Structure formats: C-alpha cells, structure tokens
C-alpha cells in the first residue's frame, strides 16, 4: 500500500478571523451551492470526476415495494 504524507505547503497558519473569512460553507451561501461544493470535495477524495460518476452496483442495493 502506498504511503501518503501531508503536503504542508498546501496549508497556511491563519488567525480565527482569517479562517472565518475564507469559510466556503458559510451561512450566507445557499444550500444548493454548499451541496455542490461538498459533492466536488467528495469526488476529489474518491477520485471520480463530476461528469463521469460511478454507477450504483445493483447487486448490493435494490428497492422493492412493500406489500401489506
């Protein structure tokens, strides 16, 4: 398994006021924009693109109607 190290050049030390000003999930941002940003971060973390999304594996997930 590949060893991953934290890239220390990607982050910088900030004051609380600076970090709060750069918050992309602020309350002033609409829910749709927050969801779009969160989905982008998830796509980057799991390595798929926004245009080529993974398919749902139907072997593990299925839906059916409940019969009373």
N, C-alpha and C. Protein backbone atom coordinates (compact mmCIF):
# COMPACT_ATOMS: atom_id res chain seq x y z
N UNK A 1 0.84 -1.18 0.00
CA UNK A 1 0.00 0.00 0.00
C UNK A 1 0.88 1.24 0.00
N UNK A 2 0.45 2.25 -0.73
CA UNK A 2 1.25 3.47 -0.89
C UNK A 2 1.16 4.33 0.37
N UNK A 3 2.31 4.87 0.76
CA UNK A 3 2.36 5.77 1.91
C UNK A 3 2.01 7.18 1.47
N UNK A 4 1.08 7.81 2.16
CA UNK A 4 0.71 9.18 1.86
C UNK A 4 1.22 10.10 2.96
N UNK A 5 1.73 11.24 2.56
CA UNK A 5 2.21 12.22 3.52
C UNK A 5 1.43 13.51 3.33
N UNK A 6 1.29 14.25 4.40
CA UNK A 6 0.59 15.53 4.37
C UNK A 6 1.45 16.56 3.64
N UNK A 7 0.86 17.23 2.67
CA UNK A 7 1.55 18.28 1.95
C UNK A 7 1.46 19.56 2.77
N UNK A 8 2.51 19.89 3.46
CA UNK A 8 2.50 21.05 4.36
C UNK A 8 2.51 22.38 3.62
N UNK A 9 2.80 22.37 2.33
CA UNK A 9 2.80 23.62 1.57
C UNK A 9 1.39 24.01 1.14
N UNK A 10 0.42 23.10 1.26
CA UNK A 10 -0.94 23.38 0.82
C UNK A 10 -1.72 24.19 1.85
N UNK A 11 -1.23 24.27 3.06
CA UNK A 11 -1.96 24.94 4.13
C UNK A 11 -1.10 26.05 4.71
N UNK A 12 -1.75 27.00 5.35
CA UNK A 12 -1.01 28.07 6.00
C UNK A 12 -1.64 28.38 7.35
N UNK A 13 -0.83 28.87 8.26
CA UNK A 13 -1.32 29.26 9.58
C UNK A 13 -2.12 30.54 9.44
N UNK A 14 -3.31 30.55 10.05
CA UNK A 14 -4.19 31.72 9.96
C UNK A 14 -4.72 32.06 11.34
N UNK A 15 -5.19 33.29 11.47
CA UNK A 15 -5.91 33.68 12.68
C UNK A 15 -7.35 33.19 12.53
N UNK A 16 -8.11 33.21 13.60
CA UNK A 16 -9.50 32.78 13.54
C UNK A 16 -10.32 33.67 12.59
N UNK A 17 -10.01 34.95 12.58
CA UNK A 17 -10.74 35.88 11.71
C UNK A 17 -10.46 35.59 10.24
N UNK A 18 -9.20 35.30 9.90
CA UNK A 18 -8.85 34.96 8.51
C UNK A 18 -9.50 33.66 8.07
N UNK A 19 -9.47 32.68 8.94
CA UNK A 19 -10.06 31.39 8.61
C UNK A 19 -11.57 31.51 8.46
N UNK A 20 -12.20 32.33 9.29
CA UNK A 20 -13.64 32.53 9.19
C UNK A 20 -14.02 33.25 7.91
N UNK A 21 -13.17 34.17 7.46
CA UNK A 21 -13.45 34.90 6.22
C UNK A 21 -13.34 34.00 5.00
N UNK A 22 -12.53 32.94 5.05
CA UNK A 22 -12.34 32.04 3.92
C UNK A 22 -13.25 30.81 3.97
N UNK A 23 -14.17 30.79 4.91
CA UNK A 23 -15.06 29.65 5.06
C UNK A 23 -16.01 29.58 3.86
N UNK A 24 -15.90 28.52 3.05
CA UNK A 24 -16.75 28.40 1.86
C UNK A 24 -18.12 27.82 2.19
N UNK A 25 -18.31 27.29 3.40
CA UNK A 25 -19.59 26.74 3.80
C UNK A 25 -20.29 27.69 4.78
N UNK A 26 -20.18 28.98 4.55
CA UNK A 26 -20.75 29.99 5.41
C UNK A 26 -22.28 29.95 5.33
N UNK A 27 -22.93 30.53 6.32
CA UNK A 27 -24.40 30.55 6.34
C UNK A 27 -24.99 31.43 5.24
N UNK A 28 -24.19 32.34 4.70
CA UNK A 28 -24.67 33.20 3.62
C UNK A 28 -24.72 32.48 2.28
N UNK A 29 -24.05 31.33 2.18
CA UNK A 29 -24.02 30.56 0.94
C UNK A 29 -25.28 29.68 0.90
N UNK A 30 -25.93 29.61 -0.26
CA UNK A 30 -27.17 28.83 -0.37
C UNK A 30 -26.90 27.34 -0.19
N UNK A 31 -27.95 26.59 0.15
CA UNK A 31 -27.81 25.15 0.35
C UNK A 31 -27.39 24.43 -0.92
N UNK A 32 -27.89 24.87 -2.05
CA UNK A 32 -27.51 24.22 -3.31
C UNK A 32 -26.03 24.42 -3.61
N UNK A 33 -25.51 25.60 -3.32
CA UNK A 33 -24.08 25.84 -3.55
C UNK A 33 -23.24 25.04 -2.55
N UNK A 34 -23.69 24.93 -1.32
CA UNK A 34 -22.98 24.12 -0.33
C UNK A 34 -22.94 22.66 -0.74
N UNK A 35 -24.07 22.15 -1.23
CA UNK A 35 -24.11 20.76 -1.69
C UNK A 35 -23.21 20.55 -2.90
N UNK A 36 -23.19 21.50 -3.81
CA UNK A 36 -22.32 21.39 -4.98
C UNK A 36 -20.85 21.36 -4.56
N UNK A 37 -20.48 22.22 -3.62
CA UNK A 37 -19.11 22.25 -3.13
C UNK A 37 -18.75 20.96 -2.40
N UNK A 38 -19.66 20.46 -1.58
CA UNK A 38 -19.41 19.22 -0.85
C UNK A 38 -19.27 18.04 -1.81
N UNK A 39 -20.11 18.00 -2.84
CA UNK A 39 -20.03 16.91 -3.82
C UNK A 39 -18.70 16.97 -4.58
N UNK A 40 -18.23 18.17 -4.87
CA UNK A 40 -16.95 18.32 -5.54
C UNK A 40 -15.82 17.78 -4.66
N UNK A 41 -15.85 18.09 -3.36
CA UNK A 41 -14.82 17.60 -2.45
C UNK A 41 -14.86 16.08 -2.33
N UNK A 42 -16.07 15.50 -2.29
CA UNK A 42 -16.20 14.05 -2.23
C UNK A 42 -15.65 13.41 -3.50
N UNK A 43 -15.95 14.02 -4.65
CA UNK A 43 -15.46 13.50 -5.93
C UNK A 43 -13.93 13.54 -5.96
N UNK A 44 -13.33 14.59 -5.45
CA UNK A 44 -11.88 14.69 -5.43
C UNK A 44 -11.28 13.66 -4.47
N UNK A 45 -11.93 13.44 -3.33
CA UNK A 45 -11.40 12.50 -2.34
C UNK A 45 -11.45 11.06 -2.84
N UNK A 46 -12.51 10.69 -3.56
CA UNK A 46 -12.66 9.31 -4.03
C UNK A 46 -12.18 9.11 -5.46
N UNK A 47 -11.72 10.16 -6.11
CA UNK A 47 -11.07 10.02 -7.40
C UNK A 47 -11.98 9.82 -8.60
N UNK A 48 -13.18 10.35 -8.59
CA UNK A 48 -14.01 10.32 -9.78
C UNK A 48 -14.35 11.74 -10.18
N UNK A 49 -14.72 11.91 -11.44
CA UNK A 49 -14.99 13.25 -11.92
C UNK A 49 -16.49 13.55 -11.82
N UNK A 50 -16.82 14.82 -11.91
CA UNK A 50 -18.22 15.22 -11.81
C UNK A 50 -19.01 14.75 -13.03
N UNK A 51 -18.36 14.63 -14.19
CA UNK A 51 -19.06 14.22 -15.41
C UNK A 51 -19.12 12.71 -15.55
N UNK A 52 -18.13 11.99 -15.00
CA UNK A 52 -18.10 10.53 -15.11
C UNK A 52 -18.30 9.93 -13.72
N UNK A 53 -19.55 9.91 -13.26
CA UNK A 53 -19.85 9.46 -11.91
C UNK A 53 -19.93 7.94 -11.85
N UNK A 54 -19.59 7.37 -10.68
CA UNK A 54 -19.66 5.92 -10.57
C UNK A 54 -21.11 5.43 -10.60
N UNK A 55 -21.29 4.24 -11.14
CA UNK A 55 -22.63 3.64 -11.22
C UNK A 55 -22.96 2.94 -9.91
N UNK A 56 -24.22 2.88 -9.59
CA UNK A 56 -24.69 2.17 -8.41
C UNK A 56 -24.65 0.67 -8.70
N UNK A 57 -24.01 -0.09 -7.84
CA UNK A 57 -23.91 -1.53 -8.02
C UNK A 57 -25.22 -2.16 -7.56
N UNK A 58 -26.01 -2.62 -8.49
CA UNK A 58 -27.34 -3.17 -8.19
C UNK A 58 -27.29 -4.51 -7.49
N UNK A 59 -26.12 -5.14 -7.42
CA UNK A 59 -26.01 -6.41 -6.70
C UNK A 59 -26.16 -6.19 -5.20
N UNK A 60 -25.77 -5.00 -4.72
CA UNK A 60 -25.80 -4.72 -3.30
C UNK A 60 -26.99 -3.88 -2.88
N UNK A 61 -27.55 -3.13 -3.80
CA UNK A 61 -28.65 -2.24 -3.47
C UNK A 61 -29.82 -2.51 -4.40
N UNK A 62 -30.99 -2.68 -3.84
CA UNK A 62 -32.19 -2.80 -4.67
C UNK A 62 -33.36 -2.25 -3.87
N UNK A 63 -34.36 -1.84 -4.59
CA UNK A 63 -35.56 -1.32 -3.95
C UNK A 63 -36.74 -2.15 -4.40
N UNK A 64 -37.69 -2.27 -3.53
CA UNK A 64 -38.91 -3.01 -3.87
C UNK A 64 -40.08 -2.39 -3.13
N UNK A 65 -41.24 -2.70 -3.60
CA UNK A 65 -42.45 -2.18 -3.00
C UNK A 65 -42.81 -3.03 -1.78
N UNK A 66 -43.25 -2.38 -0.73
CA UNK A 66 -43.70 -3.12 0.44
C UNK A 66 -45.16 -3.52 0.23
N UNK A 67 -45.42 -4.80 0.35
CA UNK A 67 -46.80 -5.30 0.23
C UNK A 67 -47.38 -5.50 1.62
N UNK A 68 -48.52 -4.86 1.89
CA UNK A 68 -49.12 -5.01 3.24
C UNK A 68 -49.71 -6.37 3.48
